[in-house]
PDB file of all heavy atoms in Angstrom:
ATOM      1  N   VAL A   1     -81.066-114.563-109.384  1.00  0.00           N
ATOM      2  CA  VAL A   1     -80.245-113.760-110.299  1.00  0.00           C
ATOM      3  C   VAL A   1     -80.710-113.945-111.733  1.00  0.00           C
ATOM      4  O   VAL A   1     -80.782-112.977-112.509  1.00  0.00           O
ATOM      5  CB  VAL A   1     -78.756-114.146-110.151  1.00  0.00           C
ATOM      6  CG1 VAL A   1     -77.919-113.520-111.270  1.00  0.00           C
ATOM      7  CG2 VAL A   1     -78.224-113.697-108.795  1.00  0.00           C
ATOM      8  N   ARG A   2     -81.065-115.171-112.088  1.00  0.00           N
ATOM      9  CA  ARG A   2     -81.510-115.450-113.459  1.00  0.00           C
ATOM     10  C   ARG A   2     -82.784-114.666-113.788  1.00  0.00           C
ATOM     11  O   ARG A   2     -82.895-114.037-114.847  1.00  0.00           O
ATOM     12  CB  ARG A   2     -81.737-116.954-113.611  1.00  0.00           C
ATOM     13  CG  ARG A   2     -81.874-117.411-115.058  1.00  0.00           C
ATOM     14  CD  ARG A   2     -81.911-118.918-115.132  1.00  0.00           C
ATOM     15  NE  ARG A   2     -80.706-119.496-114.568  1.00  0.00           N
ATOM     16  CZ  ARG A   2     -80.699-120.501-113.715  1.00  0.00           C
ATOM     17  NH1 ARG A   2     -81.828-121.018-113.292  1.00  0.00           N
ATOM     18  NH2 ARG A   2     -79.554-120.978-113.260  1.00  0.00           N
ATOM     19  N   TRP A   3     -83.742-114.678-112.862  1.00  0.00           N
ATOM     20  CA  TRP A   3     -84.980-113.938-113.085  1.00  0.00           C
ATOM     21  C   TRP A   3     -84.733-112.428-113.108  1.00  0.00           C
ATOM     22  O   TRP A   3     -85.339-111.692-113.894  1.00  0.00           O
ATOM     23  CB  TRP A   3     -85.997-114.287-112.007  1.00  0.00           C
ATOM     24  CG  TRP A   3     -86.735-115.547-112.278  1.00  0.00           C
ATOM     25  CD1 TRP A   3     -86.574-116.764-111.672  1.00  0.00           C
ATOM     26  CD2 TRP A   3     -87.751-115.739-113.260  1.00  0.00           C
ATOM     27  NE1 TRP A   3     -87.417-117.695-112.201  1.00  0.00           N
ATOM     28  CE2 TRP A   3     -88.159-117.097-113.185  1.00  0.00           C
ATOM     29  CE3 TRP A   3     -88.352-114.917-114.196  1.00  0.00           C
ATOM     30  CZ2 TRP A   3     -89.144-117.637-114.001  1.00  0.00           C
ATOM     31  CZ3 TRP A   3     -89.338-115.451-115.021  1.00  0.00           C
ATOM     32  CH2 TRP A   3     -89.723-116.786-114.919  1.00  0.00           C
ATOM     33  N   ALA A   4     -83.851-111.936-112.242  1.00  0.00           N
ATOM     34  CA  ALA A   4     -83.547-110.510-112.200  1.00  0.00           C
ATOM     35  C   ALA A   4     -82.923-110.040-113.518  1.00  0.00           C
ATOM     36  O   ALA A   4     -83.258-108.966-114.039  1.00  0.00           O
ATOM     37  CB  ALA A   4     -82.600-110.209-111.041  1.00  0.00           C
ATOM     38  N   ILE A   5     -82.041-110.852-114.078  1.00  0.00           N
ATOM     39  CA  ILE A   5     -81.407-110.500-115.352  1.00  0.00           C
ATOM     40  C   ILE A   5     -82.450-110.401-116.464  1.00  0.00           C
ATOM     41  O   ILE A   5     -82.439-109.463-117.270  1.00  0.00           O
ATOM     42  CB  ILE A   5     -80.331-111.548-115.710  1.00  0.00           C
ATOM     43  CG1 ILE A   5     -79.151-111.448-114.738  1.00  0.00           C
ATOM     44  CG2 ILE A   5     -79.842-111.345-117.146  1.00  0.00           C
ATOM     45  CD1 ILE A   5     -78.158-112.579-114.860  1.00  0.00           C
ATOM     46  N   ILE A   6     -83.361-111.339-116.497  1.00  0.00           N
ATOM     47  CA  ILE A   6     -84.401-111.337-117.542  1.00  0.00           C
ATOM     48  C   ILE A   6     -85.310-110.117-117.391  1.00  0.00           C
ATOM     49  O   ILE A   6     -85.651-109.445-118.369  1.00  0.00           O
ATOM     50  CB  ILE A   6     -85.209-112.641-117.478  1.00  0.00           C
ATOM     51  CG1 ILE A   6     -84.314-113.835-117.849  1.00  0.00           C
ATOM     52  CG2 ILE A   6     -86.415-112.583-118.418  1.00  0.00           C
ATOM     53  CD1 ILE A   6     -84.962-115.187-117.637  1.00  0.00           C
ATOM     54  N   VAL A   7     -85.718-109.821-116.148  1.00  0.00           N
ATOM     55  CA  VAL A   7     -86.601-108.662-115.911  1.00  0.00           C
ATOM     56  C   VAL A   7     -85.905-107.370-116.302  1.00  0.00           C
ATOM     57  O   VAL A   7     -86.503-106.490-116.943  1.00  0.00           O
ATOM     58  CB  VAL A   7     -87.038-108.632-114.429  1.00  0.00           C
ATOM     59  CG1 VAL A   7     -87.752-107.317-114.116  1.00  0.00           C
ATOM     60  CG2 VAL A   7     -87.950-109.808-114.124  1.00  0.00           C
ATOM     61  N   ILE A   8     -84.643-107.204-115.945  1.00  0.00           N
ATOM     62  CA  ILE A   8     -83.894-105.997-116.293  1.00  0.00           C
ATOM     63  C   ILE A   8     -83.789-105.839-117.809  1.00  0.00           C
ATOM     64  O   ILE A   8     -83.923-104.727-118.350  1.00  0.00           O
ATOM     65  CB  ILE A   8     -82.491-106.039-115.650  1.00  0.00           C
ATOM     66  CG1 ILE A   8     -82.613-105.897-114.130  1.00  0.00           C
ATOM     67  CG2 ILE A   8     -81.597-104.941-116.216  1.00  0.00           C
ATOM     68  CD1 ILE A   8     -81.312-106.123-113.391  1.00  0.00           C
ATOM     69  N   ALA A   9     -83.564-106.956-118.508  1.00  0.00           N
ATOM     70  CA  ALA A   9     -83.458-106.903-119.968  1.00  0.00           C
ATOM     71  C   ALA A   9     -84.775-106.447-120.594  1.00  0.00           C
ATOM     72  O   ALA A   9     -84.791-105.630-121.522  1.00  0.00           O
ATOM     73  CB  ALA A   9     -83.051-108.269-120.503  1.00  0.00           C
ATOM     74  N   VAL A  10     -85.890-106.965-120.089  1.00  0.00           N
ATOM     75  CA  VAL A  10     -87.201-106.579-120.631  1.00  0.00           C
ATOM     76  C   VAL A  10     -87.477-105.102-120.382  1.00  0.00           C
ATOM     77  O   VAL A  10     -87.937-104.370-121.276  1.00  0.00           O
ATOM     78  CB  VAL A  10     -88.309-107.457-120.002  1.00  0.00           C
ATOM     79  CG1 VAL A  10     -89.686-106.933-120.385  1.00  0.00           C
ATOM     80  CG2 VAL A  10     -88.158-108.908-120.442  1.00  0.00           C
ATOM     81  N   ILE A  11     -87.181-104.638-119.160  1.00  0.00           N
ATOM     82  CA  ILE A  11     -87.408-103.226-118.837  1.00  0.00           C
ATOM     83  C   ILE A  11     -86.535-102.323-119.709  1.00  0.00           C
ATOM     84  O   ILE A  11     -86.976-101.270-120.196  1.00  0.00           O
ATOM     85  CB  ILE A  11     -87.131-102.977-117.337  1.00  0.00           C
ATOM     86  CG1 ILE A  11     -88.179-103.692-116.490  1.00  0.00           C
ATOM     87  CG2 ILE A  11     -87.130-101.479-117.026  1.00  0.00           C
ATOM     88  CD1 ILE A  11     -87.914-103.623-114.998  1.00  0.00           C
ATOM     89  N   TRP A  12     -85.278-102.727-119.939  1.00  0.00           N
ATOM     90  CA  TRP A  12     -84.370-101.923-120.774  1.00  0.00           C
ATOM     91  C   TRP A  12     -84.910-101.767-122.192  1.00  0.00           C
ATOM     92  O   TRP A  12     -84.865-100.685-122.778  1.00  0.00           O
ATOM     93  CB  TRP A  12     -82.992-102.571-120.801  1.00  0.00           C
ATOM     94  CG  TRP A  12     -82.013-101.841-121.678  1.00  0.00           C
ATOM     95  CD1 TRP A  12     -81.351-100.678-121.383  1.00  0.00           C
ATOM     96  CD2 TRP A  12     -81.629-102.211-122.999  1.00  0.00           C
ATOM     97  NE1 TRP A  12     -80.573-100.300-122.441  1.00  0.00           N
ATOM     98  CE2 TRP A  12     -80.707-101.224-123.455  1.00  0.00           C
ATOM     99  CE3 TRP A  12     -81.948-103.267-123.841  1.00  0.00           C
ATOM    100  CZ2 TRP A  12     -80.121-101.276-124.714  1.00  0.00           C
ATOM    101  CZ3 TRP A  12     -81.363-103.325-125.102  1.00  0.00           C
ATOM    102  CH2 TRP A  12     -80.463-102.339-125.522  1.00  0.00           C
ATOM    103  N   VAL A  13     -85.445-102.869-122.741  1.00  0.00           N
ATOM    104  CA  VAL A  13     -86.011-102.799-124.094  1.00  0.00           C
ATOM    105  C   VAL A  13     -87.219-101.870-124.119  1.00  0.00           C
ATOM    106  O   VAL A  13     -87.364-101.032-125.018  1.00  0.00           O
ATOM    107  CB  VAL A  13     -86.392-104.206-124.594  1.00  0.00           C
ATOM    108  CG1 VAL A  13     -87.161-104.124-125.906  1.00  0.00           C
ATOM    109  CG2 VAL A  13     -85.149-105.065-124.770  1.00  0.00           C
ATOM    110  N   LEU A  14     -88.102-101.978-123.124  1.00  0.00           N
ATOM    111  CA  LEU A  14     -89.312-101.143-123.084  1.00  0.00           C
ATOM    112  C   LEU A  14     -88.976 -99.661-122.968  1.00  0.00           C
ATOM    113  O   LEU A  14     -89.622 -98.811-123.582  1.00  0.00           O
ATOM    114  CB  LEU A  14     -90.202-101.569-121.916  1.00  0.00           C
ATOM    115  CG  LEU A  14     -90.870-102.942-122.026  1.00  0.00           C
ATOM    116  CD1 LEU A  14     -91.640-103.254-120.750  1.00  0.00           C
ATOM    117  CD2 LEU A  14     -91.790-103.017-123.233  1.00  0.00           C
ATOM    118  N   VAL A  15     -87.963 -99.340-122.181  1.00  0.00           N
ATOM    119  CA  VAL A  15     -87.608 -97.936-121.964  1.00  0.00           C
ATOM    120  C   VAL A  15     -86.793 -97.370-123.134  1.00  0.00           C
ATOM    121  O   VAL A  15     -86.949 -96.207-123.501  1.00  0.00           O
ATOM    122  CB  VAL A  15     -86.826 -97.792-120.640  1.00  0.00           C
ATOM    123  CG1 VAL A  15     -86.314 -96.366-120.467  1.00  0.00           C
ATOM    124  CG2 VAL A  15     -87.708 -98.166-119.467  1.00  0.00           C
ATOM    125  N   SER A  16     -85.938 -98.182-123.736  1.00  0.00           N
ATOM    126  CA  SER A  16     -85.018 -97.684-124.767  1.00  0.00           C
ATOM    127  C   SER A  16     -85.672 -97.561-126.129  1.00  0.00           C
ATOM    128  O   SER A  16     -85.350 -96.648-126.897  1.00  0.00           O
ATOM    129  CB  SER A  16     -83.803 -98.618-124.856  1.00  0.00           C
ATOM    130  OG  SER A  16     -83.125 -98.665-123.622  1.00  0.00           O
ATOM    131  N   ALA A  17     -86.579 -98.468-126.471  1.00  0.00           N
ATOM    132  CA  ALA A  17     -87.204 -98.439-127.797  1.00  0.00           C
ATOM    133  C   ALA A  17     -88.214 -97.298-127.865  1.00  0.00           C
ATOM    134  O   ALA A  17     -89.047 -97.126-126.970  1.00  0.00           O
ATOM    135  CB  ALA A  17     -87.878 -99.769-128.092  1.00  0.00           C
ATOM    136  N   GLU A  18     -88.148 -96.523-128.941  1.00  0.00           N
ATOM    137  CA  GLU A  18     -89.057 -95.380-129.096  1.00  0.00           C
ATOM    138  C   GLU A  18     -90.506 -95.828-129.191  1.00  0.00           C
ATOM    139  O   GLU A  18     -91.413 -95.145-128.725  1.00  0.00           O
ATOM    140  CB  GLU A  18     -88.673 -94.592-130.350  1.00  0.00           C
ATOM    141  CG  GLU A  18     -89.410 -93.271-130.483  1.00  0.00           C
ATOM    142  CD  GLU A  18     -88.951 -92.469-131.690  1.00  0.00           C
ATOM    143  OE1 GLU A  18     -87.961 -92.894-132.329  1.00  0.00           O
ATOM    144  OE2 GLU A  18     -89.577 -91.432-131.989  1.00  0.00           O
ATOM    145  N   ALA A  19     -90.717 -97.015-129.763  1.00  0.00           N
ATOM    146  CA  ALA A  19     -92.081 -97.518-129.940  1.00  0.00           C
ATOM    147  C   ALA A  19     -92.746 -97.824-128.604  1.00  0.00           C
ATOM    148  O   ALA A  19     -93.975 -97.799-128.483  1.00  0.00           O
ATOM    149  CB  ALA A  19     -92.078 -98.760-130.826  1.00  0.00           C
ATOM    150  N   THR A  20     -91.929 -98.140-127.594  1.00  0.00           N
ATOM    151  CA  THR A  20     -92.505 -98.519-126.291  1.00  0.00           C
ATOM    152  C   THR A  20     -92.104 -97.558-125.180  1.00  0.00           C
ATOM    153  O   THR A  20     -92.325 -97.849-124.005  1.00  0.00           O
ATOM    154  CB  THR A  20     -92.037 -99.946-125.914  1.00  0.00           C
ATOM    155  OG1 THR A  20     -90.597 -99.989-125.920  1.00  0.00           O
ATOM    156  CG2 THR A  20     -92.571-100.981-126.884  1.00  0.00           C
ATOM    157  N   THR A  21     -91.509 -96.425-125.542  1.00  0.00           N
ATOM    158  CA  THR A  21     -91.061 -95.476-124.517  1.00  0.00           C
ATOM    159  C   THR A  21     -92.216 -94.977-123.668  1.00  0.00           C
ATOM    160  O   THR A  21     -92.131 -94.941-122.428  1.00  0.00           O
ATOM    161  CB  THR A  21     -90.351 -94.276-125.166  1.00  0.00           C
ATOM    162  OG1 THR A  21     -89.222 -94.747-125.899  1.00  0.00           O
ATOM    163  CG2 THR A  21     -89.889 -93.290-124.106  1.00  0.00           C
ATOM    164  N   ASN A  22     -93.293 -94.585-124.324  1.00  0.00           N
ATOM    165  CA  ASN A  22     -94.453 -94.077-123.580  1.00  0.00           C
ATOM    166  C   ASN A  22     -95.016 -95.137-122.649  1.00  0.00           C
ATOM    167  O   ASN A  22     -95.399 -94.853-121.510  1.00  0.00           O
ATOM    168  CB  ASN A  22     -95.530 -93.604-124.554  1.00  0.00           C
ATOM    169  CG  ASN A  22     -95.088 -92.369-125.333  1.00  0.00           C
ATOM    170  OD1 ASN A  22     -94.282 -91.583-124.839  1.00  0.00           O
ATOM    171  ND2 ASN A  22     -95.608 -92.216-126.539  1.00  0.00           N
ATOM    172  N   PHE A  23     -95.056 -96.366-123.166  1.00  0.00           N
ATOM    173  CA  PHE A  23     -95.553 -97.461-122.326  1.00  0.00           C
ATOM    174  C   PHE A  23     -94.650 -97.659-121.117  1.00  0.00           C
ATOM    175  O   PHE A  23     -95.115 -97.866-119.995  1.00  0.00           O
ATOM    176  CB  PHE A  23     -95.641 -98.744-123.147  1.00  0.00           C
ATOM    177  CG  PHE A  23     -96.032 -99.946-122.335  1.00  0.00           C
ATOM    178  CD1 PHE A  23     -97.334-100.135-121.919  1.00  0.00           C
ATOM    179  CD2 PHE A  23     -95.077-100.892-121.963  1.00  0.00           C
ATOM    180  CE1 PHE A  23     -97.696-101.239-121.169  1.00  0.00           C
ATOM    181  CE2 PHE A  23     -95.426-101.996-121.210  1.00  0.00           C
ATOM    182  CZ  PHE A  23     -96.738-102.167-120.818  1.00  0.00           C
ATOM    183  N   GLY A  24     -93.325 -97.573-121.356  1.00  0.00           N
ATOM    184  CA  GLY A  24     -92.382 -97.719-120.259  1.00  0.00           C
ATOM    185  C   GLY A  24     -92.533 -96.626-119.225  1.00  0.00           C
ATOM    186  O   GLY A  24     -92.487 -96.868-118.024  1.00  0.00           O
ATOM    187  N   LYS A  25     -92.744 -95.365-119.699  1.00  0.00           N
ATOM    188  CA  LYS A  25     -92.930 -94.246-118.772  1.00  0.00           C
ATOM    189  C   LYS A  25     -94.190 -94.442-117.940  1.00  0.00           C
ATOM    190  O   LYS A  25     -94.202 -94.212-116.726  1.00  0.00           O
ATOM    191  CB  LYS A  25     -92.998 -92.935-119.539  1.00  0.00           C
ATOM    192  CG  LYS A  25     -91.670 -92.507-120.140  1.00  0.00           C
ATOM    193  CD  LYS A  25     -91.808 -91.201-120.892  1.00  0.00           C
ATOM    194  CE  LYS A  25     -90.461 -90.771-121.483  1.00  0.00           C
ATOM    195  NZ  LYS A  25     -90.598 -89.500-122.242  1.00  0.00           N
ATOM    196  N   VAL A  26     -95.272 -94.827-118.618  1.00  0.00           N
ATOM    197  CA  VAL A  26     -96.525 -95.073-117.896  1.00  0.00           C
ATOM    198  C   VAL A  26     -96.348 -96.185-116.872  1.00  0.00           C
ATOM    199  O   VAL A  26     -96.855 -96.129-115.743  1.00  0.00           O
ATOM    200  CB  VAL A  26     -97.655 -95.425-118.890  1.00  0.00           C
ATOM    201  CG1 VAL A  26     -98.907 -95.876-118.138  1.00  0.00           C
ATOM    202  CG2 VAL A  26     -97.969 -94.224-119.772  1.00  0.00           C
ATOM    203  N   LEU A  27     -95.581 -97.200-117.281  1.00  0.00           N
ATOM    204  CA  LEU A  27     -95.338 -98.327-116.381  1.00  0.00           C
ATOM    205  C   LEU A  27     -94.640 -97.880-115.108  1.00  0.00           C
ATOM    206  O   LEU A  27     -95.026 -98.255-113.997  1.00  0.00           O
ATOM    207  CB  LEU A  27     -94.511 -99.397-117.104  1.00  0.00           C
ATOM    208  CG  LEU A  27     -94.175-100.671-116.325  1.00  0.00           C
ATOM    209  CD1 LEU A  27     -95.455-101.451-116.039  1.00  0.00           C
ATOM    210  CD2 LEU A  27     -93.189-101.535-117.089  1.00  0.00           C
ATOM    211  N   PHE A  28     -93.614 -97.028-115.281  1.00  0.00           N
ATOM    212  CA  PHE A  28     -92.879 -96.573-114.097  1.00  0.00           C
ATOM    213  C   PHE A  28     -93.630 -95.515-113.310  1.00  0.00           C
ATOM    214  O   PHE A  28     -93.510 -95.431-112.092  1.00  0.00           O
ATOM    215  CB  PHE A  28     -91.501 -96.040-114.518  1.00  0.00           C
ATOM    216  CG  PHE A  28     -90.529 -97.123-114.852  1.00  0.00           C
ATOM    217  CD1 PHE A  28     -90.203 -97.406-116.164  1.00  0.00           C
ATOM    218  CD2 PHE A  28     -89.969 -97.898-113.848  1.00  0.00           C
ATOM    219  CE1 PHE A  28     -89.318 -98.421-116.468  1.00  0.00           C
ATOM    220  CE2 PHE A  28     -89.078 -98.916-114.145  1.00  0.00           C
ATOM    221  CZ  PHE A  28     -88.750 -99.184-115.457  1.00  0.00           C
TER     222      PHE A  28
END
């Protein structure tokens, strides 16, 4: 659960921030 929470938080930042949105889209 601890690792899952950290991973979800990182993904949320990558997808939500405009600076990393493209990177997040490419990632998914």
